[in-house]
Amino acid sequence: MGNPTPTVEDYVAVIYGLINDAKPVTASQIGRRLGVSLPTVGATLQRMQRDGLITAKERRAFGLTPEGQRLAESIARRHRLVECLLTNILGLGWEEVHEEAHRLEHAVSPRLEAKLSEILKHPTACPHGNPIPGNADLAPRLTVPLARISEGEQVVVRRISEDAEEHGQLMGFLSLNRIVPGNVLTVVEVARFSGTMLIRSDGKDVVLGLPAAEEIWVERVSA
């Protein structure tokens, strides 16, 4: 296939994000993330299968082919380098940069991509903790969503999901309460009947909804 369109790149990026966040890669999930109708999603996915970017799997799910994976990593690299530029150099807020980077990523040439990485001193992760392909080891870490952690456990925040990055208000809340990559949290209480958990961050108790906690990937602190 020739150069992918911005629309195809958006679909590949969403599929890549869903896979990395261990979420079902279905037409409905893709449509939800992109804000498009199921018929439109279905037609685009058919074209992407024809072009060798995705494969159909069991239970109406989809995966990336090797070519699709290479494209996805290229998009993720551009997007996350731009996020680093916007936060580290231009001083934009942590909660703002995902949307701005999405607008810019399609226009980043290979030459500009290499220069960005050089100027930024080859960062290994974006401001939200997601690894930058080509600069970081992409091998899976022993991370789980914060919502799966039991009372009394301590964890280190490693990354925030791509899904959460779409919601500026949530990202602002996480930033305000220091629920950010590298910070240590303690799970004080889990109230599954009310769908919340109480965590301690920098000495401050914070109530967090379990759906939001599903989007925060953490690593348990060794005893």
C-alpha atoms as a PDB file:
ATOM      1  CA  MET A   1       0.000   0.000   0.000  1.00  0.00           C
ATOM      2  CA  GLY A   2       1.052   3.646  -0.430  1.00  0.00           C
ATOM      3  CA  ASN A   3       1.323   6.215   2.311  1.00  0.00           C
ATOM      4  CA  PRO A   4      -1.525   5.687   4.800  1.00  0.00           C
ATOM      5  CA  THR A   5      -4.103   8.430   5.165  1.00  0.00           C
ATOM      6  CA  PRO A   6      -4.511  10.275   8.475  1.00  0.00           C
ATOM      7  CA  THR A   7      -7.757   8.321   8.970  1.00  0.00           C
ATOM      8  CA  VAL A   8      -5.989   4.970   8.631  1.00  0.00           C
ATOM      9  CA  GLU A   9      -3.240   6.177  10.966  1.00  0.00           C
ATOM     10  CA  ASP A  10      -5.908   7.121  13.529  1.00  0.00           C
ATOM     11  CA  TYR A  11      -7.441   3.637  13.335  1.00  0.00           C
ATOM     12  CA  VAL A  12      -4.064   1.930  13.656  1.00  0.00           C
ATOM     13  CA  ALA A  13      -3.159   4.121  16.632  1.00  0.00           C
ATOM     14  CA  VAL A  14      -6.434   3.295  18.401  1.00  0.00           C
ATOM     15  CA  ILE A  15      -5.992  -0.441  17.801  1.00  0.00           C
ATOM     16  CA  TYR A  16      -2.415  -0.235  19.111  1.00  0.00           C
ATOM     17  CA  GLY A  17      -3.603   1.591  22.224  1.00  0.00           C
ATOM     18  CA  LEU A  18      -6.396  -0.898  22.907  1.00  0.00           C
ATOM     19  CA  ILE A  19      -3.969  -3.812  22.584  1.00  0.00           C
ATOM     20  CA  ASN A  20      -1.463  -2.203  24.960  1.00  0.00           C
ATOM     21  CA  ASP A  21      -4.207  -1.466  27.477  1.00  0.00           C
ATOM     22  CA  ALA A  22      -5.464  -5.080  27.299  1.00  0.00           C
ATOM     23  CA  LYS A  23      -8.885  -3.976  26.052  1.00  0.00           C
ATOM     24  CA  PRO A  24     -11.056  -5.716  23.426  1.00  0.00           C
ATOM     25  CA  VAL A  25     -10.149  -4.576  19.923  1.00  0.00           C
ATOM     26  CA  THR A  26     -13.665  -4.588  18.503  1.00  0.00           C
ATOM     27  CA  ALA A  27     -15.440  -2.346  16.011  1.00  0.00           C
ATOM     28  CA  SER A  28     -17.580  -0.887  18.797  1.00  0.00           C
ATOM     29  CA  GLN A  29     -14.529  -0.005  20.920  1.00  0.00           C
ATOM     30  CA  ILE A  30     -12.792   1.565  17.932  1.00  0.00           C
ATOM     31  CA  GLY A  31     -15.924   3.539  17.063  1.00  0.00           C
ATOM     32  CA  ARG A  32     -16.247   4.751  20.657  1.00  0.00           C
ATOM     33  CA  ARG A  33     -12.664   5.995  20.728  1.00  0.00           C
ATOM     34  CA  LEU A  34     -12.885   7.714  17.350  1.00  0.00           C
ATOM     35  CA  GLY A  35     -16.463   8.962  17.649  1.00  0.00           C
ATOM     36  CA  VAL A  36     -17.616   7.391  14.381  1.00  0.00           C
ATOM     37  CA  SER A  37     -20.516   5.096  13.473  1.00  0.00           C
ATOM     38  CA  LEU A  38     -20.248   1.311  13.310  1.00  0.00           C
ATOM     39  CA  PRO A  39     -20.932   1.177   9.537  1.00  0.00           C
ATOM     40  CA  THR A  40     -18.080   3.625   8.960  1.00  0.00           C
ATOM     41  CA  VAL A  41     -15.781   1.643  11.235  1.00  0.00           C
ATOM     42  CA  GLY A  42     -16.699  -1.602   9.480  1.00  0.00           C
ATOM     43  CA  ALA A  43     -15.959  -0.207   6.020  1.00  0.00           C
ATOM     44  CA  THR A  44     -12.609   1.204   7.110  1.00  0.00           C
ATOM     45  CA  LEU A  45     -11.576  -2.021   8.839  1.00  0.00           C
ATOM     46  CA  GLN A  46     -12.377  -3.972   5.679  1.00  0.00           C
ATOM     47  CA  ARG A  47     -10.060  -1.720   3.676  1.00  0.00           C
ATOM     48  CA  MET A  48      -7.350  -2.085   6.296  1.00  0.00           C
ATOM     49  CA  GLN A  49      -7.645  -5.884   6.132  1.00  0.00           C
ATOM     50  CA  ARG A  50      -7.377  -5.709   2.347  1.00  0.00           C
ATOM     51  CA  ASP A  51      -4.263  -3.537   2.670  1.00  0.00           C
ATOM     52  CA  GLY A  52      -2.604  -5.978   5.062  1.00  0.00           C
ATOM     53  CA  LEU A  53      -2.608  -3.809   8.190  1.00  0.00           C
ATOM     54  CA  ILE A  54      -4.967  -5.796  10.426  1.00  0.00           C
ATOM     55  CA  THR A  55      -6.255  -9.327  10.832  1.00  0.00           C
ATOM     56  CA  ALA A  56      -9.632 -10.558  12.039  1.00  0.00           C
ATOM     57  CA  LYS A  57      -9.502 -12.654  15.213  1.00  0.00           C
ATOM     58  CA  GLU A  58     -11.987 -14.582  17.339  1.00  0.00           C
ATOM     59  CA  ARG A  59     -15.042 -12.904  18.888  1.00  0.00           C
ATOM     60  CA  ARG A  60     -15.157 -10.158  16.264  1.00  0.00           C
ATOM     61  CA  ALA A  61     -11.839  -8.751  17.440  1.00  0.00           C
ATOM     62  CA  PHE A  62      -8.919  -7.463  15.396  1.00  0.00           C
ATOM     63  CA  GLY A  63      -5.145  -7.525  15.628  1.00  0.00           C
ATOM     64  CA  LEU A  64      -2.263  -5.842  13.848  1.00  0.00           C
ATOM     65  CA  THR A  65      -0.214  -7.564  11.167  1.00  0.00           C
ATOM     66  CA  PRO A  66       3.589  -7.076  11.253  1.00  0.00           C
ATOM     67  CA  GLU A  67       3.146  -4.213   8.772  1.00  0.00           C
ATOM     68  CA  GLY A  68       0.368  -2.745  10.917  1.00  0.00           C
ATOM     69  CA  GLN A  69       2.543  -3.064  14.028  1.00  0.00           C
ATOM     70  CA  ARG A  70       5.402  -1.192  12.338  1.00  0.00           C
ATOM     71  CA  LEU A  71       3.032   1.588  11.309  1.00  0.00           C
ATOM     72  CA  ALA A  72       1.519   1.733  14.809  1.00  0.00           C
ATOM     73  CA  GLU A  73       4.935   2.064  16.434  1.00  0.00           C
ATOM     74  CA  SER A  74       5.881   4.810  13.984  1.00  0.00           C
ATOM     75  CA  ILE A  75       2.710   6.756  14.829  1.00  0.00           C
ATOM     76  CA  ALA A  76       3.191   6.218  18.580  1.00  0.00           C
ATOM     77  CA  ARG A  77       6.801   7.396  18.324  1.00  0.00           C
ATOM     78  CA  ARG A  78       5.840  10.613  16.521  1.00  0.00           C
ATOM     79  CA  HIS A  79       2.909  11.288  18.848  1.00  0.00           C
ATOM     80  CA  ARG A  80       4.873  10.758  22.047  1.00  0.00           C
ATOM     81  CA  LEU A  81       7.881  12.762  20.895  1.00  0.00           C
ATOM     82  CA  VAL A  82       5.557  15.664  20.093  1.00  0.00           C
ATOM     83  CA  GLU A  83       3.985  15.333  23.562  1.00  0.00           C
ATOM     84  CA  CYS A  84       7.476  15.600  25.083  1.00  0.00           C
ATOM     85  CA  LEU A  85       8.196  18.678  22.969  1.00  0.00           C
ATOM     86  CA  LEU A  86       4.965  20.346  24.044  1.00  0.00           C
ATOM     87  CA  THR A  87       5.530  19.720  27.760  1.00  0.00           C
ATOM     88  CA  ASN A  88       9.318  19.926  28.126  1.00  0.00           C
ATOM     89  CA  ILE A  89      10.072  22.749  25.688  1.00  0.00           C
ATOM     90  CA  LEU A  90       6.836  24.684  25.167  1.00  0.00           C
ATOM     91  CA  GLY A  91       5.497  24.274  28.701  1.00  0.00           C
ATOM     92  CA  LEU A  92       1.987  23.046  27.903  1.00  0.00           C
ATOM     93  CA  GLY A  93       0.032  21.307  30.642  1.00  0.00           C
ATOM     94  CA  TRP A  94       0.230  17.537  31.045  1.00  0.00           C
ATOM     95  CA  GLU A  95      -3.510  17.295  30.425  1.00  0.00           C
ATOM     96  CA  GLU A  96      -3.395  19.350  27.187  1.00  0.00           C
ATOM     97  CA  VAL A  97      -0.706  17.730  25.102  1.00  0.00           C
ATOM     98  CA  HIS A  98      -2.424  14.546  23.904  1.00  0.00           C
ATOM     99  CA  GLU A  99      -4.964  16.389  21.775  1.00  0.00           C
ATOM    100  CA  GLU A 100      -2.389  18.846  20.429  1.00  0.00           C
ATOM    101  CA  ALA A 101       0.034  16.028  19.577  1.00  0.00           C
ATOM    102  CA  HIS A 102      -2.737  14.196  17.739  1.00  0.00           C
ATOM    103  CA  ARG A 103      -3.186  17.218  15.484  1.00  0.00           C
ATOM    104  CA  LEU A 104       0.544  17.421  14.731  1.00  0.00           C
ATOM    105  CA  GLU A 105       1.659  13.781  14.518  1.00  0.00           C
ATOM    106  CA  HIS A 106       0.542  13.239  10.917  1.00  0.00           C
ATOM    107  CA  ALA A 107       2.780  16.082   9.697  1.00  0.00           C
ATOM    108  CA  VAL A 108       6.007  14.901  11.365  1.00  0.00           C
ATOM    109  CA  SER A 109       8.498  13.744   8.723  1.00  0.00           C
ATOM    110  CA  PRO A 110      11.219  11.147   9.439  1.00  0.00           C
ATOM    111  CA  ARG A 111      13.822  13.937   9.429  1.00  0.00           C
ATOM    112  CA  LEU A 112      11.850  16.035  11.924  1.00  0.00           C
ATOM    113  CA  GLU A 113      11.165  12.949  14.050  1.00  0.00           C
ATOM    114  CA  ALA A 114      14.906  12.230  14.332  1.00  0.00           C
ATOM    115  CA  LYS A 115      15.642  15.872  15.162  1.00  0.00           C
ATOM    116  CA  LEU A 116      12.937  15.949  17.829  1.00  0.00           C
ATOM    117  CA  SER A 117      14.392  12.881  19.514  1.00  0.00           C
ATOM    118  CA  GLU A 118      17.874  14.425  19.424  1.00  0.00           C
ATOM    119  CA  ILE A 119      16.773  17.783  20.856  1.00  0.00           C
ATOM    120  CA  LEU A 120      14.779  16.045  23.591  1.00  0.00           C
ATOM    121  CA  LYS A 121      17.791  13.805  24.420  1.00  0.00           C
ATOM    122  CA  HIS A 122      16.056  10.643  23.236  1.00  0.00           C
ATOM    123  CA  PRO A 123      13.320  10.308  25.885  1.00  0.00           C
ATOM    124  CA  THR A 124      12.148   6.771  26.602  1.00  0.00           C
ATOM    125  CA  ALA A 125       8.558   7.676  27.536  1.00  0.00           C
ATOM    126  CA  CYS A 126       5.973  10.363  26.911  1.00  0.00           C
ATOM    127  CA  PRO A 127       4.838  12.614  29.803  1.00  0.00           C
ATOM    128  CA  HIS A 128       2.125  10.052  30.604  1.00  0.00           C
ATOM    129  CA  GLY A 129       4.634   7.198  30.928  1.00  0.00           C
ATOM    130  CA  ASN A 130       3.901   5.379  27.668  1.00  0.00           C
ATOM    131  CA  PRO A 131       7.116   4.067  26.041  1.00  0.00           C
ATOM    132  CA  ILE A 132       8.486   5.702  22.908  1.00  0.00           C
ATOM    133  CA  PRO A 133       9.211   3.041  20.264  1.00  0.00           C
ATOM    134  CA  GLY A 134      12.806   3.223  19.063  1.00  0.00           C
ATOM    135  CA  ASN A 135      13.987   4.797  22.324  1.00  0.00           C
ATOM    136  CA  ALA A 136      12.567   2.382  24.891  1.00  0.00           C
ATOM    137  CA  ASP A 137      12.370  -1.343  25.526  1.00  0.00           C
ATOM    138  CA  LEU A 138       8.827  -2.303  24.509  1.00  0.00           C
ATOM    139  CA  ALA A 139       8.877  -5.599  26.424  1.00  0.00           C
ATOM    140  CA  PRO A 140       5.842  -5.795  28.731  1.00  0.00           C
ATOM    141  CA  ARG A 141       6.420  -4.740  32.342  1.00  0.00           C
ATOM    142  CA  LEU A 142       4.758  -6.331  35.341  1.00  0.00           C
ATOM    143  CA  THR A 143       2.085  -3.657  35.546  1.00  0.00           C
ATOM    144  CA  VAL A 144      -1.612  -3.905  36.328  1.00  0.00           C
ATOM    145  CA  PRO A 145      -4.449  -1.382  36.510  1.00  0.00           C
ATOM    146  CA  LEU A 146      -4.636   0.389  39.876  1.00  0.00           C
ATOM    147  CA  ALA A 147      -8.221  -0.870  40.253  1.00  0.00           C
ATOM    148  CA  ARG A 148      -6.859  -4.430  40.713  1.00  0.00           C
ATOM    149  CA  ILE A 149      -4.700  -3.513  43.715  1.00  0.00           C
ATOM    150  CA  SER A 150      -5.761  -4.568  47.222  1.00  0.00           C
ATOM    151  CA  GLU A 151      -6.018  -2.472  50.373  1.00  0.00           C
ATOM    152  CA  GLY A 152      -2.696  -1.809  52.077  1.00  0.00           C
ATOM    153  CA  GLU A 153      -0.550  -2.312  48.993  1.00  0.00           C
ATOM    154  CA  GLN A 154       1.962   0.243  47.742  1.00  0.00           C
ATOM    155  CA  VAL A 155       2.503   0.802  44.048  1.00  0.00           C
ATOM    156  CA  VAL A 156       4.476   2.989  41.666  1.00  0.00           C
ATOM    157  CA  VAL A 157       2.546   4.668  38.851  1.00  0.00           C
ATOM    158  CA  ARG A 158       4.115   3.632  35.540  1.00  0.00           C
ATOM    159  CA  ARG A 159       1.793   5.000  32.874  1.00  0.00           C
ATOM    160  CA  ILE A 160      -1.643   6.413  32.081  1.00  0.00           C
ATOM    161  CA  SER A 161      -3.681   4.701  29.370  1.00  0.00           C
ATOM    162  CA  GLU A 162      -4.257   6.247  25.956  1.00  0.00           C
ATOM    163  CA  ASP A 163      -7.996   6.126  26.693  1.00  0.00           C
ATOM    164  CA  ALA A 164      -7.573   8.321  29.774  1.00  0.00           C
ATOM    165  CA  GLU A 165      -5.455  10.795  27.821  1.00  0.00           C
ATOM    166  CA  GLU A 166      -8.538  11.625  25.748  1.00  0.00           C
ATOM    167  CA  HIS A 167     -10.202  13.132  28.835  1.00  0.00           C
ATOM    168  CA  GLY A 168      -8.578  16.418  29.805  1.00  0.00           C
ATOM    169  CA  GLN A 169     -10.635  16.809  32.982  1.00  0.00           C
ATOM    170  CA  LEU A 170      -9.505  13.411  34.287  1.00  0.00           C
ATOM    171  CA  MET A 171      -5.896  14.153  33.348  1.00  0.00           C
ATOM    172  CA  GLY A 172      -6.082  17.476  35.171  1.00  0.00           C
ATOM    173  CA  PHE A 173      -7.422  15.691  38.275  1.00  0.00           C
ATOM    174  CA  LEU A 174      -4.603  13.131  38.162  1.00  0.00           C
ATOM    175  CA  SER A 175      -1.982  15.853  37.749  1.00  0.00           C
ATOM    176  CA  LEU A 176      -3.422  17.936  40.601  1.00  0.00           C
ATOM    177  CA  ASN A 177      -3.307  14.940  42.937  1.00  0.00           C
ATOM    178  CA  ARG A 178       0.141  13.744  41.814  1.00  0.00           C
ATOM    179  CA  ILE A 179      -1.158  10.493  40.348  1.00  0.00           C
ATOM    180  CA  VAL A 180       1.612  10.612  37.783  1.00  0.00           C
ATOM    181  CA  PRO A 181       4.333   8.265  36.496  1.00  0.00           C
ATOM    182  CA  GLY A 182       7.041   7.638  39.073  1.00  0.00           C
ATOM    183  CA  ASN A 183       4.941   8.598  42.084  1.00  0.00           C
ATOM    184  CA  VAL A 184       4.274   6.086  44.875  1.00  0.00           C
ATOM    185  CA  LEU A 185       0.668   5.477  45.940  1.00  0.00           C
ATOM    186  CA  THR A 186      -0.821   3.553  48.845  1.00  0.00           C
ATOM    187  CA  VAL A 187      -4.238   1.943  48.503  1.00  0.00           C
ATOM    188  CA  VAL A 188      -6.012   2.801  51.757  1.00  0.00           C
ATOM    189  CA  GLU A 189      -9.482   1.410  51.049  1.00  0.00           C
ATOM    190  CA  VAL A 190     -11.392  -0.228  48.215  1.00  0.00           C
ATOM    191  CA  ALA A 191     -15.185   0.254  48.259  1.00  0.00           C
ATOM    192  CA  ARG A 192     -16.398  -1.893  45.403  1.00  0.00           C
ATOM    193  CA  PHE A 193     -20.054  -1.417  46.399  1.00  0.00           C
ATOM    194  CA  SER A 194     -19.730   2.299  45.629  1.00  0.00           C
ATOM    195  CA  GLY A 195     -17.205   1.888  42.819  1.00  0.00           C
ATOM    196  CA  THR A 196     -14.446   3.921  44.475  1.00  0.00           C
ATOM    197  CA  MET A 197     -11.073   3.521  46.101  1.00  0.00           C
ATOM    198  CA  LEU A 198      -9.222   5.716  48.589  1.00  0.00           C
ATOM    199  CA  ILE A 199      -5.549   6.188  47.812  1.00  0.00           C
ATOM    200  CA  ARG A 200      -2.782   8.159  49.479  1.00  0.00           C
ATOM    201  CA  SER A 201      -0.586  10.262  47.199  1.00  0.00           C
ATOM    202  CA  ASP A 202       2.154  12.514  48.624  1.00  0.00           C
ATOM    203  CA  GLY A 203       0.502  12.308  52.045  1.00  0.00           C
ATOM    204  CA  LYS A 204      -2.898  13.329  50.699  1.00  0.00           C
ATOM    205  CA  ASP A 205      -5.954  11.038  50.643  1.00  0.00           C
ATOM    206  CA  VAL A 206      -7.730  11.001  47.294  1.00  0.00           C
ATOM    207  CA  VAL A 207     -10.998   9.289  46.317  1.00  0.00           C
ATOM    208  CA  LEU A 208     -10.783   7.791  42.844  1.00  0.00           C
ATOM    209  CA  GLY A 209     -13.514   6.060  40.846  1.00  0.00           C
ATOM    210  CA  LEU A 210     -12.720   2.464  39.874  1.00  0.00           C
ATOM    211  CA  PRO A 211     -13.294   3.150  36.147  1.00  0.00           C
ATOM    212  CA  ALA A 212     -10.609   5.852  36.320  1.00  0.00           C
ATOM    213  CA  ALA A 213      -8.351   3.552  38.344  1.00  0.00           C
ATOM    214  CA  GLU A 214      -8.577   0.995  35.511  1.00  0.00           C
ATOM    215  CA  GLU A 215      -6.736   3.506  33.300  1.00  0.00           C
ATOM    216  CA  ILE A 216      -3.760   3.945  35.655  1.00  0.00           C
ATOM    217  CA  TRP A 217      -1.128   1.233  35.191  1.00  0.00           C
ATOM    218  CA  VAL A 218       1.020   0.562  38.246  1.00  0.00           C
ATOM    219  CA  GLU A 219       3.766  -1.723  39.492  1.00  0.00           C
ATOM    220  CA  ARG A 220       3.698  -3.215  42.974  1.00  0.00           C
ATOM    221  CA  VAL A 221       6.446  -2.061  45.335  1.00  0.00           C
ATOM    222  CA  SER A 222       8.513  -5.018  46.500  1.00  0.00           C
ATOM    223  CA  ALA A 223       8.214  -5.743  50.192  1.00  0.00           C
END
